[in-house]
Amino acid sequence: MSRPELEAEIAGLEAQMKAAEFPSQLEVLESKLLFAQAYTLSPADYPPGLYGVKDREQPMRVDYLNGVMAWGTMAGEAISVPISALRPVGSASSARQPEQG
């Protein structure tokens, strides 16, 4: 998708989230939104290190990226999240954040 197509998709998802009637609908739309936002970011801006993760208490140690997915460990368990869910913590403070619309 092109940047304008991604931005249109993000706007559409945000509108759908406002109209969501059930928590399960909202969770699915939030997941889609994170993936769409991830494609607007540069993986190069997310070096390995410690990050906070949206809606999670524990920090994540990012070991590597594969496309727009960050792979690493959280609380001793292997996980992966879209880079748009990452928040700077410690040495990863130079990471950019997704634009909010």
N, C-alpha and C. Protein backbone atom coordinates (compact mmCIF):
# COMPACT_ATOMS: atom_id res chain seq x y z
N MET A 1 0.84 -1.19 0.00
CA MET A 1 0.00 0.00 0.00
C MET A 1 0.88 1.25 0.00
N SER A 2 0.39 2.26 -0.65
CA SER A 2 1.11 3.54 -0.65
C SER A 2 0.84 4.27 0.67
N ARG A 3 1.62 5.30 0.92
CA ARG A 3 1.43 6.10 2.14
C ARG A 3 0.01 6.67 2.21
N PRO A 4 -0.51 7.28 1.12
CA PRO A 4 -1.89 7.80 1.19
C PRO A 4 -2.91 6.69 1.46
N GLU A 5 -2.71 5.51 0.88
CA GLU A 5 -3.63 4.39 1.14
C GLU A 5 -3.58 3.97 2.60
N LEU A 6 -2.36 3.92 3.17
CA LEU A 6 -2.22 3.58 4.59
C LEU A 6 -2.90 4.61 5.47
N GLU A 7 -2.71 5.88 5.15
CA GLU A 7 -3.33 6.94 5.94
C GLU A 7 -4.86 6.86 5.86
N ALA A 8 -5.39 6.53 4.69
CA ALA A 8 -6.83 6.37 4.55
C ALA A 8 -7.31 5.16 5.36
N GLU A 9 -6.55 4.08 5.33
CA GLU A 9 -6.90 2.89 6.11
C GLU A 9 -6.89 3.20 7.61
N ILE A 10 -5.88 3.94 8.06
CA ILE A 10 -5.78 4.31 9.47
C ILE A 10 -6.99 5.16 9.88
N ALA A 11 -7.34 6.13 9.05
CA ALA A 11 -8.50 6.98 9.35
C ALA A 11 -9.78 6.15 9.40
N GLY A 12 -9.93 5.22 8.48
CA GLY A 12 -11.11 4.36 8.47
C GLY A 12 -11.19 3.48 9.71
N LEU A 13 -10.04 2.93 10.11
CA LEU A 13 -10.01 2.09 11.31
C LEU A 13 -10.34 2.90 12.56
N GLU A 14 -9.80 4.12 12.63
CA GLU A 14 -10.09 4.98 13.79
C GLU A 14 -11.59 5.29 13.86
N ALA A 15 -12.22 5.52 12.71
CA ALA A 15 -13.67 5.79 12.69
C ALA A 15 -14.44 4.55 13.13
N GLN A 16 -14.02 3.38 12.65
CA GLN A 16 -14.68 2.14 13.05
C GLN A 16 -14.53 1.88 14.54
N MET A 17 -13.38 2.25 15.10
CA MET A 17 -13.15 2.05 16.53
C MET A 17 -14.13 2.89 17.35
N LYS A 18 -14.40 4.10 16.89
CA LYS A 18 -15.35 4.96 17.60
C LYS A 18 -16.75 4.38 17.58
N ALA A 19 -17.08 3.62 16.53
CA ALA A 19 -18.41 3.06 16.39
C ALA A 19 -18.52 1.63 16.92
N ALA A 20 -17.41 1.05 17.35
CA ALA A 20 -17.42 -0.34 17.82
C ALA A 20 -18.38 -0.50 19.00
N GLU A 21 -19.16 -1.55 18.95
CA GLU A 21 -20.16 -1.79 20.00
C GLU A 21 -19.69 -2.77 21.06
N PHE A 22 -18.76 -3.63 20.70
CA PHE A 22 -18.33 -4.68 21.62
C PHE A 22 -16.83 -4.61 21.84
N PRO A 23 -16.36 -4.98 23.04
CA PRO A 23 -14.92 -4.98 23.32
C PRO A 23 -14.13 -5.83 22.33
N SER A 24 -14.68 -6.95 21.91
CA SER A 24 -13.96 -7.82 20.97
C SER A 24 -13.77 -7.12 19.63
N GLN A 25 -14.77 -6.36 19.18
CA GLN A 25 -14.64 -5.59 17.94
C GLN A 25 -13.51 -4.57 18.08
N LEU A 26 -13.49 -3.89 19.21
CA LEU A 26 -12.48 -2.87 19.45
C LEU A 26 -11.08 -3.47 19.45
N GLU A 27 -10.91 -4.64 20.06
CA GLU A 27 -9.60 -5.29 20.10
C GLU A 27 -9.11 -5.65 18.71
N VAL A 28 -9.99 -6.17 17.86
CA VAL A 28 -9.61 -6.52 16.50
C VAL A 28 -9.21 -5.27 15.72
N LEU A 29 -10.00 -4.20 15.86
CA LEU A 29 -9.69 -2.96 15.16
C LEU A 29 -8.40 -2.33 15.66
N GLU A 30 -8.14 -2.39 16.98
CA GLU A 30 -6.89 -1.87 17.52
C GLU A 30 -5.70 -2.62 16.96
N SER A 31 -5.82 -3.93 16.82
CA SER A 31 -4.75 -4.74 16.25
C SER A 31 -4.48 -4.34 14.79
N LYS A 32 -5.55 -4.19 14.02
CA LYS A 32 -5.41 -3.76 12.63
C LYS A 32 -4.77 -2.38 12.54
N LEU A 33 -5.17 -1.48 13.45
CA LEU A 33 -4.63 -0.14 13.47
C LEU A 33 -3.13 -0.16 13.76
N LEU A 34 -2.71 -0.95 14.74
CA LEU A 34 -1.28 -1.05 15.05
C LEU A 34 -0.48 -1.54 13.85
N PHE A 35 -1.00 -2.51 13.13
CA PHE A 35 -0.29 -3.01 11.94
C PHE A 35 -0.23 -1.94 10.86
N ALA A 36 -1.33 -1.24 10.61
CA ALA A 36 -1.32 -0.18 9.60
C ALA A 36 -0.33 0.92 9.99
N GLN A 37 -0.33 1.31 11.27
CA GLN A 37 0.61 2.34 11.73
C GLN A 37 2.05 1.86 11.60
N ALA A 38 2.28 0.58 11.84
CA ALA A 38 3.65 0.05 11.76
C ALA A 38 4.23 0.23 10.36
N TYR A 39 3.39 0.09 9.35
CA TYR A 39 3.88 0.24 7.97
C TYR A 39 4.19 1.69 7.61
N THR A 40 3.81 2.64 8.45
CA THR A 40 4.16 4.05 8.19
C THR A 40 5.48 4.42 8.87
N LEU A 41 6.05 3.50 9.64
CA LEU A 41 7.28 3.75 10.40
C LEU A 41 8.48 3.08 9.75
N SER A 42 9.66 3.52 10.12
CA SER A 42 10.89 2.92 9.62
C SER A 42 11.46 1.96 10.65
N PRO A 43 11.57 0.68 10.32
CA PRO A 43 12.15 -0.28 11.26
C PRO A 43 13.56 0.12 11.73
N ALA A 44 14.29 0.86 10.90
CA ALA A 44 15.64 1.30 11.26
C ALA A 44 15.64 2.20 12.49
N ASP A 45 14.49 2.80 12.82
CA ASP A 45 14.38 3.67 13.99
C ASP A 45 14.19 2.89 15.29
N TYR A 46 14.18 1.57 15.21
CA TYR A 46 13.92 0.72 16.38
C TYR A 46 15.05 -0.30 16.55
N PRO A 47 16.19 0.15 17.07
CA PRO A 47 17.30 -0.78 17.29
C PRO A 47 16.97 -1.74 18.44
N PRO A 48 17.67 -2.88 18.49
CA PRO A 48 17.47 -3.79 19.62
C PRO A 48 17.67 -3.06 20.94
N GLY A 49 16.90 -3.45 21.94
CA GLY A 49 16.99 -2.82 23.25
C GLY A 49 15.70 -3.01 24.03
N LEU A 50 15.56 -2.23 25.07
CA LEU A 50 14.41 -2.34 25.96
C LEU A 50 13.35 -1.31 25.57
N TYR A 51 12.11 -1.77 25.45
CA TYR A 51 11.00 -0.90 25.07
C TYR A 51 9.79 -1.18 25.95
N GLY A 52 8.98 -0.16 26.13
CA GLY A 52 7.65 -0.38 26.68
C GLY A 52 6.76 -0.82 25.53
N VAL A 53 5.67 -1.49 25.85
CA VAL A 53 4.74 -1.95 24.83
C VAL A 53 3.35 -1.43 25.19
N LYS A 54 2.65 -0.89 24.20
CA LYS A 54 1.31 -0.33 24.39
C LYS A 54 0.42 -1.32 25.14
N ASP A 55 -0.23 -0.82 26.18
CA ASP A 55 -1.18 -1.59 26.98
C ASP A 55 -0.57 -2.78 27.72
N ARG A 56 0.73 -2.76 27.94
CA ARG A 56 1.38 -3.83 28.70
C ARG A 56 2.19 -3.21 29.83
N GLU A 57 2.21 -3.89 30.96
CA GLU A 57 2.95 -3.39 32.13
C GLU A 57 4.45 -3.66 32.02
N GLN A 58 4.80 -4.85 31.56
CA GLN A 58 6.20 -5.28 31.50
C GLN A 58 6.91 -4.68 30.29
N PRO A 59 8.20 -4.36 30.44
CA PRO A 59 8.96 -3.93 29.26
C PRO A 59 9.31 -5.14 28.40
N MET A 60 9.63 -4.88 27.16
CA MET A 60 10.03 -5.92 26.21
C MET A 60 11.47 -5.70 25.80
N ARG A 61 12.25 -6.76 25.80
CA ARG A 61 13.61 -6.71 25.27
C ARG A 61 13.52 -7.12 23.81
N VAL A 62 13.73 -6.16 22.89
CA VAL A 62 13.69 -6.45 21.46
C VAL A 62 15.05 -6.98 21.05
N ASP A 63 15.04 -8.18 20.47
CA ASP A 63 16.27 -8.80 20.00
C ASP A 63 16.54 -8.50 18.54
N TYR A 64 15.47 -8.50 17.73
CA TYR A 64 15.62 -8.22 16.31
C TYR A 64 14.27 -7.84 15.71
N LEU A 65 14.34 -7.28 14.50
CA LEU A 65 13.13 -6.95 13.76
C LEU A 65 13.07 -7.81 12.51
N ASN A 66 11.85 -8.15 12.12
CA ASN A 66 11.62 -8.83 10.86
C ASN A 66 10.48 -8.06 10.20
N GLY A 67 10.81 -7.23 9.24
CA GLY A 67 9.82 -6.33 8.65
C GLY A 67 9.40 -5.30 9.68
N VAL A 68 8.10 -5.21 9.94
CA VAL A 68 7.59 -4.25 10.92
C VAL A 68 7.30 -4.91 12.26
N MET A 69 7.75 -6.13 12.43
CA MET A 69 7.53 -6.86 13.68
C MET A 69 8.80 -6.87 14.52
N ALA A 70 8.64 -6.55 15.80
CA ALA A 70 9.74 -6.61 16.76
C ALA A 70 9.63 -7.96 17.49
N TRP A 71 10.73 -8.68 17.54
CA TRP A 71 10.77 -9.99 18.19
C TRP A 71 11.70 -9.92 19.38
N GLY A 72 11.27 -10.50 20.50
CA GLY A 72 12.10 -10.49 21.70
C GLY A 72 11.43 -11.21 22.84
N THR A 73 11.72 -10.76 24.05
CA THR A 73 11.17 -11.42 25.24
C THR A 73 10.53 -10.40 26.16
N MET A 74 9.48 -10.87 26.85
CA MET A 74 8.80 -10.08 27.87
C MET A 74 8.49 -11.04 29.01
N ALA A 75 8.95 -10.71 30.20
CA ALA A 75 8.73 -11.55 31.37
C ALA A 75 9.18 -12.98 31.11
N GLY A 76 10.30 -13.13 30.38
CA GLY A 76 10.86 -14.45 30.13
C GLY A 76 10.22 -15.25 29.01
N GLU A 77 9.23 -14.68 28.34
CA GLU A 77 8.55 -15.38 27.26
C GLU A 77 8.80 -14.69 25.93
N ALA A 78 8.97 -15.49 24.87
CA ALA A 78 9.17 -14.95 23.54
C ALA A 78 7.87 -14.35 23.02
N ILE A 79 7.96 -13.12 22.48
CA ILE A 79 6.78 -12.46 21.91
C ILE A 79 7.20 -11.66 20.68
N SER A 80 6.22 -11.26 19.91
CA SER A 80 6.44 -10.32 18.80
C SER A 80 5.30 -9.33 18.80
N VAL A 81 5.61 -8.09 18.46
CA VAL A 81 4.61 -7.02 18.37
C VAL A 81 4.96 -6.12 17.19
N PRO A 82 3.98 -5.44 16.61
CA PRO A 82 4.28 -4.45 15.58
C PRO A 82 5.10 -3.31 16.20
N ILE A 83 6.01 -2.74 15.42
CA ILE A 83 6.86 -1.67 15.96
C ILE A 83 6.05 -0.47 16.42
N SER A 84 4.85 -0.28 15.91
CA SER A 84 4.03 0.84 16.33
C SER A 84 3.55 0.70 17.77
N ALA A 85 3.66 -0.50 18.35
CA ALA A 85 3.26 -0.71 19.75
C ALA A 85 4.40 -0.40 20.71
N LEU A 86 5.61 -0.17 20.19
CA LEU A 86 6.78 0.06 21.05
C LEU A 86 6.83 1.50 21.54
N ARG A 87 7.28 1.66 22.77
CA ARG A 87 7.48 2.97 23.38
C ARG A 87 8.90 3.02 23.94
N PRO A 88 9.57 4.17 23.84
CA PRO A 88 10.96 4.25 24.31
C PRO A 88 11.10 4.00 25.81
N VAL A 89 12.15 3.25 26.15
CA VAL A 89 12.53 3.02 27.55
C VAL A 89 14.05 2.91 27.55
N GLY A 90 14.72 3.63 28.41
CA GLY A 90 16.17 3.50 28.54
C GLY A 90 16.92 3.78 27.26
N SER A 91 17.74 2.81 26.80
CA SER A 91 18.63 3.01 25.65
C SER A 91 17.88 3.09 24.33
N ALA A 92 16.61 2.78 24.30
CA ALA A 92 15.83 2.82 23.06
C ALA A 92 15.09 4.14 22.91
N SER A 93 15.49 5.17 23.64
CA SER A 93 14.74 6.42 23.67
C SER A 93 14.74 7.18 22.35
N SER A 94 15.58 6.79 21.39
CA SER A 94 15.61 7.51 20.12
C SER A 94 14.56 7.04 19.13
N ALA A 95 13.78 6.01 19.49
CA ALA A 95 12.77 5.49 18.57
C ALA A 95 11.67 6.52 18.33
N ARG A 96 11.24 6.61 17.07
CA ARG A 96 10.14 7.50 16.73
C ARG A 96 8.83 6.84 17.06
N GLN A 97 7.82 7.64 17.25
CA GLN A 97 6.49 7.14 17.57
C GLN A 97 5.59 7.37 16.38
N PRO A 98 4.55 6.53 16.22
CA PRO A 98 3.62 6.73 15.12
C PRO A 98 2.91 8.07 15.23
N GLU A 99 2.64 8.64 14.06
CA GLU A 99 1.91 9.91 14.04
C GLU A 99 0.47 9.64 14.46
N GLN A 100 -0.04 10.49 15.31
CA GLN A 100 -1.42 10.35 15.74
C GLN A 100 -2.28 11.29 14.91
N GLY A 101 -3.39 10.77 14.40
CA GLY A 101 -4.22 11.60 13.51
C GLY A 101 -5.45 11.99 14.09
